[in-house]
Amino acid sequence: MNQPSFPVLAEQTLEAIQEQLEALDALEDADLDLIDGVLTIEFDDGRTLVLNRQEAQQQIWLVSPEGPAHFSLEDNRWVDDRTGEELKAVLTRVLSGISGREVSLD
């Protein structure tokens, strides 16, 4: 069986993250939009996170108040190139800090 292409995997990941975030009460005041491989999370106070796929590098990039992070797919996990942290762990930390409420992504 062939593995899906990078654009398909990245889009599936962004869609899954969007669905999880939309279900969280802690983020009820955030606006989430996924358009053309770019997931934007905007809070009422103006803080914004952007997740997008970078096809040339085969990565998902995150821009957040913590700064930029680049995630590569390793063993079916999106891992930060610099820190080794998984994408969902980083999002959990950043979103919990912004919202002031516990955010948990599985």
PDB file of N, CA and C in Angstrom:
ATOM      1  N   MET A   1       0.847  -1.179   0.000  1.00  0.00           N
ATOM      2  CA  MET A   1       0.000   0.000   0.000  1.00  0.00           C
ATOM      3  C   MET A   1       0.892   1.241   0.000  1.00  0.00           C
ATOM      4  N   ASN A   2       0.570   2.189  -0.827  1.00  0.00           N
ATOM      5  CA  ASN A   2       1.360   3.409  -0.924  1.00  0.00           C
ATOM      6  C   ASN A   2       0.993   4.389   0.183  1.00  0.00           C
ATOM      7  N   GLN A   3       2.028   5.070   0.690  1.00  0.00           N
ATOM      8  CA  GLN A   3       1.805   6.114   1.687  1.00  0.00           C
ATOM      9  C   GLN A   3       1.284   7.358   0.978  1.00  0.00           C
ATOM     10  N   PRO A   4       0.320   8.063   1.587  1.00  0.00           N
ATOM     11  CA  PRO A   4      -0.180   9.297   0.965  1.00  0.00           C
ATOM     12  C   PRO A   4       0.948  10.309   0.773  1.00  0.00           C
ATOM     13  N   SER A   5       0.777  11.177  -0.184  1.00  0.00           N
ATOM     14  CA  SER A   5       1.769  12.206  -0.469  1.00  0.00           C
ATOM     15  C   SER A   5       1.824  13.224   0.668  1.00  0.00           C
ATOM     16  N   PHE A   6       2.907  13.999   0.713  1.00  0.00           N
ATOM     17  CA  PHE A   6       3.055  15.012   1.750  1.00  0.00           C
ATOM     18  C   PHE A   6       1.871  15.976   1.804  1.00  0.00           C
ATOM     19  N   PRO A   7       1.426  16.545   0.659  1.00  0.00           N
ATOM     20  CA  PRO A   7       0.301  17.485   0.749  1.00  0.00           C
ATOM     21  C   PRO A   7      -0.948  16.852   1.382  1.00  0.00           C
ATOM     22  N   VAL A   8      -1.195  15.581   1.090  1.00  0.00           N
ATOM     23  CA  VAL A   8      -2.361  14.900   1.656  1.00  0.00           C
ATOM     24  C   VAL A   8      -2.174  14.710   3.161  1.00  0.00           C
ATOM     25  N   LEU A   9      -0.993  14.247   3.570  1.00  0.00           N
ATOM     26  CA  LEU A   9      -0.731  14.048   5.001  1.00  0.00           C
ATOM     27  C   LEU A   9      -0.808  15.359   5.774  1.00  0.00           C
ATOM     28  N   ALA A  10      -0.218  16.396   5.221  1.00  0.00           N
ATOM     29  CA  ALA A  10      -0.239  17.692   5.894  1.00  0.00           C
ATOM     30  C   ALA A  10      -1.666  18.222   6.018  1.00  0.00           C
ATOM     31  N   GLU A  11      -2.433  18.118   4.958  1.00  0.00           N
ATOM     32  CA  GLU A  11      -3.820  18.608   4.988  1.00  0.00           C
ATOM     33  C   GLU A  11      -4.650  17.804   5.986  1.00  0.00           C
ATOM     34  N   GLN A  12      -4.462  16.490   6.017  1.00  0.00           N
ATOM     35  CA  GLN A  12      -5.175  15.656   6.984  1.00  0.00           C
ATOM     36  C   GLN A  12      -4.823  16.063   8.414  1.00  0.00           C
ATOM     37  N   THR A  13      -3.557  16.359   8.645  1.00  0.00           N
ATOM     38  CA  THR A  13      -3.113  16.785   9.977  1.00  0.00           C
ATOM     39  C   THR A  13      -3.753  18.109  10.366  1.00  0.00           C
ATOM     40  N   LEU A  14      -3.730  19.078   9.460  1.00  0.00           N
ATOM     41  CA  LEU A  14      -4.325  20.384   9.754  1.00  0.00           C
ATOM     42  C   LEU A  14      -5.828  20.275   9.982  1.00  0.00           C
ATOM     43  N   GLU A  15      -6.501  19.453   9.188  1.00  0.00           N
ATOM     44  CA  GLU A  15      -7.940  19.259   9.376  1.00  0.00           C
ATOM     45  C   GLU A  15      -8.237  18.621  10.729  1.00  0.00           C
ATOM     46  N   ALA A  16      -7.448  17.632  11.113  1.00  0.00           N
ATOM     47  CA  ALA A  16      -7.655  16.961  12.401  1.00  0.00           C
ATOM     48  C   ALA A  16      -7.422  17.926  13.559  1.00  0.00           C
ATOM     49  N   ILE A  17      -6.386  18.755  13.451  1.00  0.00           N
ATOM     50  CA  ILE A  17      -6.116  19.749  14.498  1.00  0.00           C
ATOM     51  C   ILE A  17      -7.266  20.741  14.581  1.00  0.00           C
ATOM     52  N   GLN A  18      -7.743  21.207  13.448  1.00  0.00           N
ATOM     53  CA  GLN A  18      -8.859  22.151  13.449  1.00  0.00           C
ATOM     54  C   GLN A  18     -10.079  21.533  14.133  1.00  0.00           C
ATOM     55  N   GLU A  19     -10.406  20.296  13.800  1.00  0.00           N
ATOM     56  CA  GLU A  19     -11.568  19.644  14.407  1.00  0.00           C
ATOM     57  C   GLU A  19     -11.411  19.525  15.922  1.00  0.00           C
ATOM     58  N   GLN A  20     -10.203  19.147  16.370  1.00  0.00           N
ATOM     59  CA  GLN A  20      -9.974  19.032  17.809  1.00  0.00           C
ATOM     60  C   GLN A  20     -10.110  20.384  18.501  1.00  0.00           C
ATOM     61  N   LEU A  21      -9.538  21.410  17.903  1.00  0.00           N
ATOM     62  CA  LEU A  21      -9.578  22.733  18.521  1.00  0.00           C
ATOM     63  C   LEU A  21     -10.999  23.292  18.565  1.00  0.00           C
ATOM     64  N   GLU A  22     -11.764  23.064  17.520  1.00  0.00           N
ATOM     65  CA  GLU A  22     -13.144  23.572  17.490  1.00  0.00           C
ATOM     66  C   GLU A  22     -14.012  22.924  18.557  1.00  0.00           C
ATOM     67  N   ALA A  23     -13.637  21.738  19.016  1.00  0.00           N
ATOM     68  CA  ALA A  23     -14.416  21.032  20.032  1.00  0.00           C
ATOM     69  C   ALA A  23     -14.060  21.441  21.459  1.00  0.00           C
ATOM     70  N   LEU A  24     -13.027  22.265  21.626  1.00  0.00           N
ATOM     71  CA  LEU A  24     -12.566  22.626  22.966  1.00  0.00           C
ATOM     72  C   LEU A  24     -13.276  23.872  23.497  1.00  0.00           C
ATOM     73  N   ASP A  25     -13.833  23.749  24.693  1.00  0.00           N
ATOM     74  CA  ASP A  25     -14.470  24.897  25.340  1.00  0.00           C
ATOM     75  C   ASP A  25     -13.466  26.017  25.613  1.00  0.00           C
ATOM     76  N   ALA A  26     -12.226  25.651  25.894  1.00  0.00           N
ATOM     77  CA  ALA A  26     -11.195  26.651  26.214  1.00  0.00           C
ATOM     78  C   ALA A  26     -10.923  27.586  25.043  1.00  0.00           C
ATOM     79  N   LEU A  27     -11.294  27.182  23.843  1.00  0.00           N
ATOM     80  CA  LEU A  27     -11.028  28.002  22.657  1.00  0.00           C
ATOM     81  C   LEU A  27     -12.309  28.517  22.006  1.00  0.00           C
ATOM     82  N   GLU A  28     -13.382  28.594  22.782  1.00  0.00           N
ATOM     83  CA  GLU A  28     -14.656  29.025  22.219  1.00  0.00           C
ATOM     84  C   GLU A  28     -14.619  30.461  21.691  1.00  0.00           C
ATOM     85  N   ASP A  29     -13.687  31.264  22.187  1.00  0.00           N
ATOM     86  CA  ASP A  29     -13.574  32.652  21.733  1.00  0.00           C
ATOM     87  C   ASP A  29     -12.590  32.825  20.578  1.00  0.00           C
ATOM     88  N   ALA A  30     -12.012  31.746  20.105  1.00  0.00           N
ATOM     89  CA  ALA A  30     -11.038  31.818  19.015  1.00  0.00           C
ATOM     90  C   ALA A  30     -11.733  31.552  17.677  1.00  0.00           C
ATOM     91  N   ASP A  31     -11.255  32.237  16.656  1.00  0.00           N
ATOM     92  CA  ASP A  31     -11.731  31.999  15.293  1.00  0.00           C
ATOM     93  C   ASP A  31     -10.714  31.112  14.593  1.00  0.00           C
ATOM     94  N   LEU A  32     -11.188  30.024  13.995  1.00  0.00           N
ATOM     95  CA  LEU A  32     -10.321  29.094  13.285  1.00  0.00           C
ATOM     96  C   LEU A  32     -10.727  29.040  11.827  1.00  0.00           C
ATOM     97  N   ASP A  33      -9.742  29.171  10.950  1.00  0.00           N
ATOM     98  CA  ASP A  33      -9.991  29.085   9.514  1.00  0.00           C
ATOM     99  C   ASP A  33      -8.904  28.229   8.881  1.00  0.00           C
ATOM    100  N   LEU A  34      -9.320  27.274   8.058  1.00  0.00           N
ATOM    101  CA  LEU A  34      -8.381  26.458   7.296  1.00  0.00           C
ATOM    102  C   LEU A  34      -8.664  26.682   5.821  1.00  0.00           C
ATOM    103  N   ILE A  35      -7.710  27.344   5.153  1.00  0.00           N
ATOM    104  CA  ILE A  35      -7.868  27.661   3.734  1.00  0.00           C
ATOM    105  C   ILE A  35      -6.547  27.368   3.030  1.00  0.00           C
ATOM    106  N   ASP A  36      -6.612  26.533   2.010  1.00  0.00           N
ATOM    107  CA  ASP A  36      -5.441  26.242   1.174  1.00  0.00           C
ATOM    108  C   ASP A  36      -4.201  25.861   1.971  1.00  0.00           C
ATOM    109  N   GLY A  37      -4.363  24.977   2.939  1.00  0.00           N
ATOM    110  CA  GLY A  37      -3.212  24.500   3.696  1.00  0.00           C
ATOM    111  C   GLY A  37      -2.706  25.443   4.754  1.00  0.00           C
ATOM    112  N   VAL A  38      -3.499  26.445   5.114  1.00  0.00           N
ATOM    113  CA  VAL A  38      -3.115  27.394   6.163  1.00  0.00           C
ATOM    114  C   VAL A  38      -4.220  27.428   7.218  1.00  0.00           C
ATOM    115  N   LEU A  39      -3.872  27.023   8.439  1.00  0.00           N
ATOM    116  CA  LEU A  39      -4.803  27.066   9.561  1.00  0.00           C
ATOM    117  C   LEU A  39      -4.463  28.284  10.408  1.00  0.00           C
ATOM    118  N   THR A  40      -5.408  29.207  10.505  1.00  0.00           N
ATOM    119  CA  THR A  40      -5.232  30.432  11.282  1.00  0.00           C
ATOM    120  C   THR A  40      -6.117  30.349  12.514  1.00  0.00           C
ATOM    121  N   ILE A  41      -5.522  30.632  13.671  1.00  0.00           N
ATOM    122  CA  ILE A  41      -6.239  30.650  14.940  1.00  0.00           C
ATOM    123  C   ILE A  41      -6.088  32.051  15.504  1.00  0.00           C
ATOM    124  N   GLU A  42      -7.188  32.786  15.545  1.00  0.00           N
ATOM    125  CA  GLU A  42      -7.139  34.180  15.990  1.00  0.00           C
ATOM    126  C   GLU A  42      -7.991  34.352  17.240  1.00  0.00           C
ATOM    127  N   PHE A  43      -7.392  35.012  18.233  1.00  0.00           N
ATOM    128  CA  PHE A  43      -8.069  35.256  19.500  1.00  0.00           C
ATOM    129  C   PHE A  43      -8.615  36.671  19.543  1.00  0.00           C
ATOM    130  N   ASP A  44      -9.591  36.882  20.431  1.00  0.00           N
ATOM    131  CA  ASP A  44     -10.239  38.189  20.550  1.00  0.00           C
ATOM    132  C   ASP A  44      -9.251  39.309  20.853  1.00  0.00           C
ATOM    133  N   ASP A  45      -8.166  38.993  21.558  1.00  0.00           N
ATOM    134  CA  ASP A  45      -7.188  40.022  21.919  1.00  0.00           C
ATOM    135  C   ASP A  45      -6.188  40.304  20.793  1.00  0.00           C
ATOM    136  N   GLY A  46      -6.377  39.658  19.645  1.00  0.00           N
ATOM    137  CA  GLY A  46      -5.523  39.912  18.491  1.00  0.00           C
ATOM    138  C   GLY A  46      -4.373  38.940  18.317  1.00  0.00           C
ATOM    139  N   ARG A  47      -4.086  38.145  19.337  1.00  0.00           N
ATOM    140  CA  ARG A  47      -3.008  37.166  19.177  1.00  0.00           C
ATOM    141  C   ARG A  47      -3.436  36.101  18.159  1.00  0.00           C
ATOM    142  N   THR A  48      -2.466  35.700  17.359  1.00  0.00           N
ATOM    143  CA  THR A  48      -2.759  34.788  16.257  1.00  0.00           C
ATOM    144  C   THR A  48      -1.695  33.714  16.160  1.00  0.00           C
ATOM    145  N   LEU A  49      -2.136  32.507  15.852  1.00  0.00           N
ATOM    146  CA  LEU A  49      -1.249  31.405  15.527  1.00  0.00           C
ATOM    147  C   LEU A  49      -1.542  31.011  14.091  1.00  0.00           C
ATOM    148  N   VAL A  50      -0.506  30.640  13.371  1.00  0.00           N
ATOM    149  CA  VAL A  50      -0.681  30.184  11.992  1.00  0.00           C
ATOM    150  C   VAL A  50       0.091  28.884  11.815  1.00  0.00           C
ATOM    151  N   LEU A  51      -0.601  27.882  11.335  1.00  0.00           N
ATOM    152  CA  LEU A  51       0.004  26.606  10.951  1.00  0.00           C
ATOM    153  C   LEU A  51      -0.148  26.495   9.444  1.00  0.00           C
ATOM    154  N   ASN A  52       0.944  26.178   8.761  1.00  0.00           N
ATOM    155  CA  ASN A  52       0.814  25.997   7.321  1.00  0.00           C
ATOM    156  C   ASN A  52       1.794  24.952   6.815  1.00  0.00           C
ATOM    157  N   ARG A  53       1.425  24.363   5.706  1.00  0.00           N
ATOM    158  CA  ARG A  53       2.301  23.345   5.120  1.00  0.00           C
ATOM    159  C   ARG A  53       3.300  24.024   4.187  1.00  0.00           C
ATOM    160  N   GLN A  54       4.503  23.539   4.247  1.00  0.00           N
ATOM    161  CA  GLN A  54       5.575  24.018   3.382  1.00  0.00           C
ATOM    162  C   GLN A  54       6.002  22.830   2.521  1.00  0.00           C
ATOM    163  N   GLU A  55       5.460  22.783   1.313  1.00  0.00           N
ATOM    164  CA  GLU A  55       5.679  21.609   0.467  1.00  0.00           C
ATOM    165  C   GLU A  55       7.132  21.443   0.058  1.00  0.00           C
ATOM    166  N   ALA A  56       7.828  22.525  -0.254  1.00  0.00           N
ATOM    167  CA  ALA A  56       9.217  22.402  -0.700  1.00  0.00           C
ATOM    168  C   ALA A  56      10.087  21.759   0.385  1.00  0.00           C
ATOM    169  N   GLN A  57       9.835  22.107   1.655  1.00  0.00           N
ATOM    170  CA  GLN A  57      10.607  21.558   2.766  1.00  0.00           C
ATOM    171  C   GLN A  57       9.971  20.304   3.355  1.00  0.00           C
ATOM    172  N   GLN A  58       8.749  20.003   2.921  1.00  0.00           N
ATOM    173  CA  GLN A  58       7.967  18.884   3.455  1.00  0.00           C
ATOM    174  C   GLN A  58       7.830  19.006   4.974  1.00  0.00           C
ATOM    175  N   GLN A  59       7.385  20.184   5.397  1.00  0.00           N
ATOM    176  CA  GLN A  59       7.218  20.482   6.811  1.00  0.00           C
ATOM    177  C   GLN A  59       5.896  21.203   7.049  1.00  0.00           C
ATOM    178  N   ILE A  60       5.486  21.197   8.310  1.00  0.00           N
ATOM    179  CA  ILE A  60       4.416  22.069   8.775  1.00  0.00           C
ATOM    180  C   ILE A  60       5.095  23.129   9.633  1.00  0.00           C
ATOM    181  N   TRP A  61       4.805  24.385   9.343  1.00  0.00           N
ATOM    182  CA  TRP A  61       5.396  25.494  10.085  1.00  0.00           C
ATOM    183  C   TRP A  61       4.351  26.102  10.999  1.00  0.00           C
ATOM    184  N   LEU A  62       4.805  26.512  12.175  1.00  0.00           N
ATOM    185  CA  LEU A  62       3.957  27.177  13.156  1.00  0.00           C
ATOM    186  C   LEU A  62       4.549  28.543  13.459  1.00  0.00           C
ATOM    187  N   VAL A  63       3.707  29.556  13.411  1.00  0.00           N
ATOM    188  CA  VAL A  63       4.079  30.893  13.866  1.00  0.00           C
ATOM    189  C   VAL A  63       3.173  31.184  15.057  1.00  0.00           C
ATOM    190  N   SER A  64       3.803  31.478  16.197  1.00  0.00           N
ATOM    191  CA  SER A  64       3.051  31.731  17.424  1.00  0.00           C
ATOM    192  C   SER A  64       3.777  32.791  18.243  1.00  0.00           C
ATOM    193  N   PRO A  65       3.173  33.228  19.353  1.00  0.00           N
ATOM    194  CA  PRO A  65       3.863  34.188  20.212  1.00  0.00           C
ATOM    195  C   PRO A  65       5.214  33.676  20.717  1.00  0.00           C
ATOM    196  N   GLU A  66       5.417  32.375  20.720  1.00  0.00           N
ATOM    197  CA  GLU A  66       6.705  31.800  21.127  1.00  0.00           C
ATOM    198  C   GLU A  66       7.754  31.910  20.026  1.00  0.00           C
ATOM    199  N   GLY A  67       7.316  32.243  18.827  1.00  0.00           N
ATOM    200  CA  GLY A  67       8.228  32.313  17.695  1.00  0.00           C
ATOM    201  C   GLY A  67       7.940  31.185  16.710  1.00  0.00           C
ATOM    202  N   PRO A  68       8.737  31.101  15.660  1.00  0.00           N
ATOM    203  CA  PRO A  68       8.480  30.099  14.628  1.00  0.00           C
ATOM    204  C   PRO A  68       8.988  28.716  15.031  1.00  0.00           C
ATOM    205  N   ALA A  69       8.350  27.698  14.468  1.00  0.00           N
ATOM    206  CA  ALA A  69       8.782  26.311  14.652  1.00  0.00           C
ATOM    207  C   ALA A  69       8.489  25.555  13.364  1.00  0.00           C
ATOM    208  N   HIS A  70       9.376  24.625  13.046  1.00  0.00           N
ATOM    209  CA  HIS A  70       9.243  23.823  11.824  1.00  0.00           C
ATOM    210  C   HIS A  70       9.166  22.354  12.210  1.00  0.00           C
ATOM    211  N   PHE A  71       8.130  21.665  11.730  1.00  0.00           N
ATOM    212  CA  PHE A  71       7.880  20.281  12.104  1.00  0.00           C
ATOM    213  C   PHE A  71       8.001  19.367  10.890  1.00  0.00           C
ATOM    214  N   SER A  72       8.785  18.317  11.048  1.00  0.00           N
ATOM    215  CA  SER A  72       8.955  17.314  10.003  1.00  0.00           C
ATOM    216  C   SER A  72       8.295  16.022  10.463  1.00  0.00           C
ATOM    217  N   LEU A  73       7.835  15.229   9.516  1.00  0.00           N
ATOM    218  CA  LEU A  73       7.181  13.961   9.828  1.00  0.00           C
ATOM    219  C   LEU A  73       8.240  12.893  10.067  1.00  0.00           C
ATOM    220  N   GLU A  74       8.249  12.348  11.287  1.00  0.00           N
ATOM    221  CA  GLU A  74       9.183  11.295  11.673  1.00  0.00           C
ATOM    222  C   GLU A  74       8.407  10.215  12.411  1.00  0.00           C
ATOM    223  N   ASP A  75       8.408   9.012  11.885  1.00  0.00           N
ATOM    224  CA  ASP A  75       7.703   7.899  12.526  1.00  0.00           C
ATOM    225  C   ASP A  75       6.253   8.247  12.833  1.00  0.00           C
ATOM    226  N   ASN A  76       5.568   8.842  11.860  1.00  0.00           N
ATOM    227  CA  ASN A  76       4.154   9.217  11.978  1.00  0.00           C
ATOM    228  C   ASN A  76       3.891  10.277  13.044  1.00  0.00           C
ATOM    229  N   ARG A  77       4.910  11.072  13.381  1.00  0.00           N
ATOM    230  CA  ARG A  77       4.762  12.167  14.342  1.00  0.00           C
ATOM    231  C   ARG A  77       5.384  13.406  13.726  1.00  0.00           C
ATOM    232  N   TRP A  78       4.737  14.554  13.924  1.00  0.00           N
ATOM    233  CA  TRP A  78       5.285  15.835  13.467  1.00  0.00           C
ATOM    234  C   TRP A  78       6.182  16.361  14.578  1.00  0.00           C
ATOM    235  N   VAL A  79       7.496  16.445  14.300  1.00  0.00           N
ATOM    236  CA  VAL A  79       8.495  16.752  15.314  1.00  0.00           C
ATOM    237  C   VAL A  79       9.228  18.046  14.962  1.00  0.00           C
ATOM    238  N   ASP A  80       9.380  18.937  15.967  1.00  0.00           N
ATOM    239  CA  ASP A  80      10.095  20.199  15.797  1.00  0.00           C
ATOM    240  C   ASP A  80      11.566  19.903  15.502  1.00  0.00           C
ATOM    241  N   ASP A  81      12.083  20.486  14.436  1.00  0.00           N
ATOM    242  CA  ASP A  81      13.466  20.260  14.021  1.00  0.00           C
ATOM    243  C   ASP A  81      14.484  20.695  15.066  1.00  0.00           C
ATOM    244  N   ARG A  82      14.163  21.718  15.847  1.00  0.00           N
ATOM    245  CA  ARG A  82      15.128  22.239  16.826  1.00  0.00           C
ATOM    246  C   ARG A  82      15.014  21.561  18.180  1.00  0.00           C
ATOM    247  N   THR A  83      13.789  21.384  18.674  1.00  0.00           N
ATOM    248  CA  THR A  83      13.604  20.932  20.057  1.00  0.00           C
ATOM    249  C   THR A  83      13.250  19.458  20.187  1.00  0.00           C
ATOM    250  N   GLY A  84      12.744  18.854  19.112  1.00  0.00           N
ATOM    251  CA  GLY A  84      12.304  17.468  19.181  1.00  0.00           C
ATOM    252  C   GLY A  84      10.902  17.305  19.742  1.00  0.00           C
ATOM    253  N   GLU A  85      10.257  18.423  20.105  1.00  0.00           N
ATOM    254  CA  GLU A  85       8.889  18.358  20.634  1.00  0.00           C
ATOM    255  C   GLU A  85       7.906  18.023  19.523  1.00  0.00           C
ATOM    256  N   GLU A  86       6.846  17.336  19.895  1.00  0.00           N
ATOM    257  CA  GLU A  86       5.798  17.036  18.927  1.00  0.00           C
ATOM    258  C   GLU A  86       4.885  18.240  18.752  1.00  0.00           C
ATOM    259  N   LEU A  87       4.317  18.352  17.560  1.00  0.00           N
ATOM    260  CA  LEU A  87       3.443  19.468  17.211  1.00  0.00           C
ATOM    261  C   LEU A  87       2.315  19.640  18.210  1.00  0.00           C
ATOM    262  N   LYS A  88       1.631  18.572  18.563  1.00  0.00           N
ATOM    263  CA  LYS A  88       0.489  18.702  19.477  1.00  0.00           C
ATOM    264  C   LYS A  88       0.919  19.152  20.863  1.00  0.00           C
ATOM    265  N   ALA A  89       2.100  18.766  21.305  1.00  0.00           N
ATOM    266  CA  ALA A  89       2.597  19.211  22.608  1.00  0.00           C
ATOM    267  C   ALA A  89       2.870  20.714  22.586  1.00  0.00           C
ATOM    268  N   VAL A  90       3.445  21.189  21.501  1.00  0.00           N
ATOM    269  CA  VAL A  90       3.714  22.618  21.373  1.00  0.00           C
ATOM    270  C   VAL A  90       2.403  23.395  21.329  1.00  0.00           C
ATOM    271  N   LEU A  91       1.455  22.930  20.529  1.00  0.00           N
ATOM    272  CA  LEU A  91       0.156  23.602  20.443  1.00  0.00           C
ATOM    273  C   LEU A  91      -0.552  23.608  21.794  1.00  0.00           C
ATOM    274  N   THR A  92      -0.488  22.503  22.521  1.00  0.00           N
ATOM    275  CA  THR A  92      -1.104  22.426  23.847  1.00  0.00           C
ATOM    276  C   THR A  92      -0.541  23.504  24.761  1.00  0.00           C
ATOM    277  N   ARG A  93       0.776  23.635  24.793  1.00  0.00           N
ATOM    278  CA  ARG A  93       1.428  24.617  25.653  1.00  0.00           C
ATOM    279  C   ARG A  93       1.077  26.046  25.235  1.00  0.00           C
ATOM    280  N   VAL A  94       1.212  26.333  23.949  1.00  0.00           N
ATOM    281  CA  VAL A  94       0.980  27.694  23.458  1.00  0.00           C
ATOM    282  C   VAL A  94      -0.475  28.102  23.637  1.00  0.00           C
ATOM    283  N   LEU A  95      -1.392  27.236  23.259  1.00  0.00           N
ATOM    284  CA  LEU A  95      -2.812  27.562  23.360  1.00  0.00           C
ATOM    285  C   LEU A  95      -3.275  27.670  24.807  1.00  0.00           C
ATOM    286  N   SER A  96      -2.734  26.847  25.684  1.00  0.00           N
ATOM    287  CA  SER A  96      -3.063  26.959  27.116  1.00  0.00           C
ATOM    288  C   SER A  96      -2.595  28.299  27.651  1.00  0.00           C
ATOM    289  N   GLY A  97      -1.406  28.726  27.251  1.00  0.00           N
ATOM    290  CA  GLY A  97      -0.883  30.013  27.697  1.00  0.00           C
ATOM    291  C   GLY A  97      -1.704  31.183  27.204  1.00  0.00           C
ATOM    292  N   ILE A  98      -2.116  31.135  25.950  1.00  0.00           N
ATOM    293  CA  ILE A  98      -2.901  32.235  25.383  1.00  0.00           C
ATOM    294  C   ILE A  98      -4.297  32.292  25.985  1.00  0.00           C
ATOM    295  N   SER A  99      -4.948  31.132  26.080  1.00  0.00           N
ATOM    296  CA  SER A  99      -6.339  31.115  26.528  1.00  0.00           C
ATOM    297  C   SER A  99      -6.461  31.257  28.043  1.00  0.00           C
ATOM    298  N   GLY A 100      -5.382  30.933  28.775  1.00  0.00           N
ATOM    299  CA  GLY A 100      -5.468  30.964  30.228  1.00  0.00           C
ATOM    300  C   GLY A 100      -6.247  29.797  30.781  1.00  0.00           C
ATOM    301  N   ARG A 101      -6.528  28.830  29.936  1.00  0.00           N
ATOM    302  CA  ARG A 101      -7.267  27.624  30.331  1.00  0.00           C
ATOM    303  C   ARG A 101      -6.512  26.414  29.813  1.00  0.00           C
ATOM    304  N   GLU A 102      -6.708  25.300  30.474  1.00  0.00           N
ATOM    305  CA  GLU A 102      -6.008  24.084  30.047  1.00  0.00           C
ATOM    306  C   GLU A 102      -6.548  23.597  28.705  1.00  0.00           C
ATOM    307  N   VAL A 103      -5.641  23.418  27.774  1.00  0.00           N
ATOM    308  CA  VAL A 103      -5.968  22.883  26.454  1.00  0.00           C
ATOM    309  C   VAL A 103      -5.249  21.547  26.356  1.00  0.00           C
ATOM    310  N   SER A 104      -5.961  20.532  25.887  1.00  0.00           N
ATOM    311  CA  SER A 104      -5.353  19.214  25.749  1.00  0.00           C
ATOM    312  C   SER A 104      -5.660  18.651  24.369  1.00  0.00           C
ATOM    313  N   LEU A 105      -4.617  18.346  23.639  1.00  0.00           N
ATOM    314  CA  LEU A 105      -4.750  17.698  22.336  1.00  0.00           C
ATOM    315  C   LEU A 105      -4.170  16.303  22.439  1.00  0.00           C
ATOM    316  N   ASP A 106      -4.912  15.311  21.954  1.00  0.00           N
ATOM    317  CA  ASP A 106      -4.380  13.946  22.032  1.00  0.00           C
ATOM    318  C   ASP A 106      -3.674  13.549  20.776  1.00  0.00           C
TER     319      ASP A 106
END
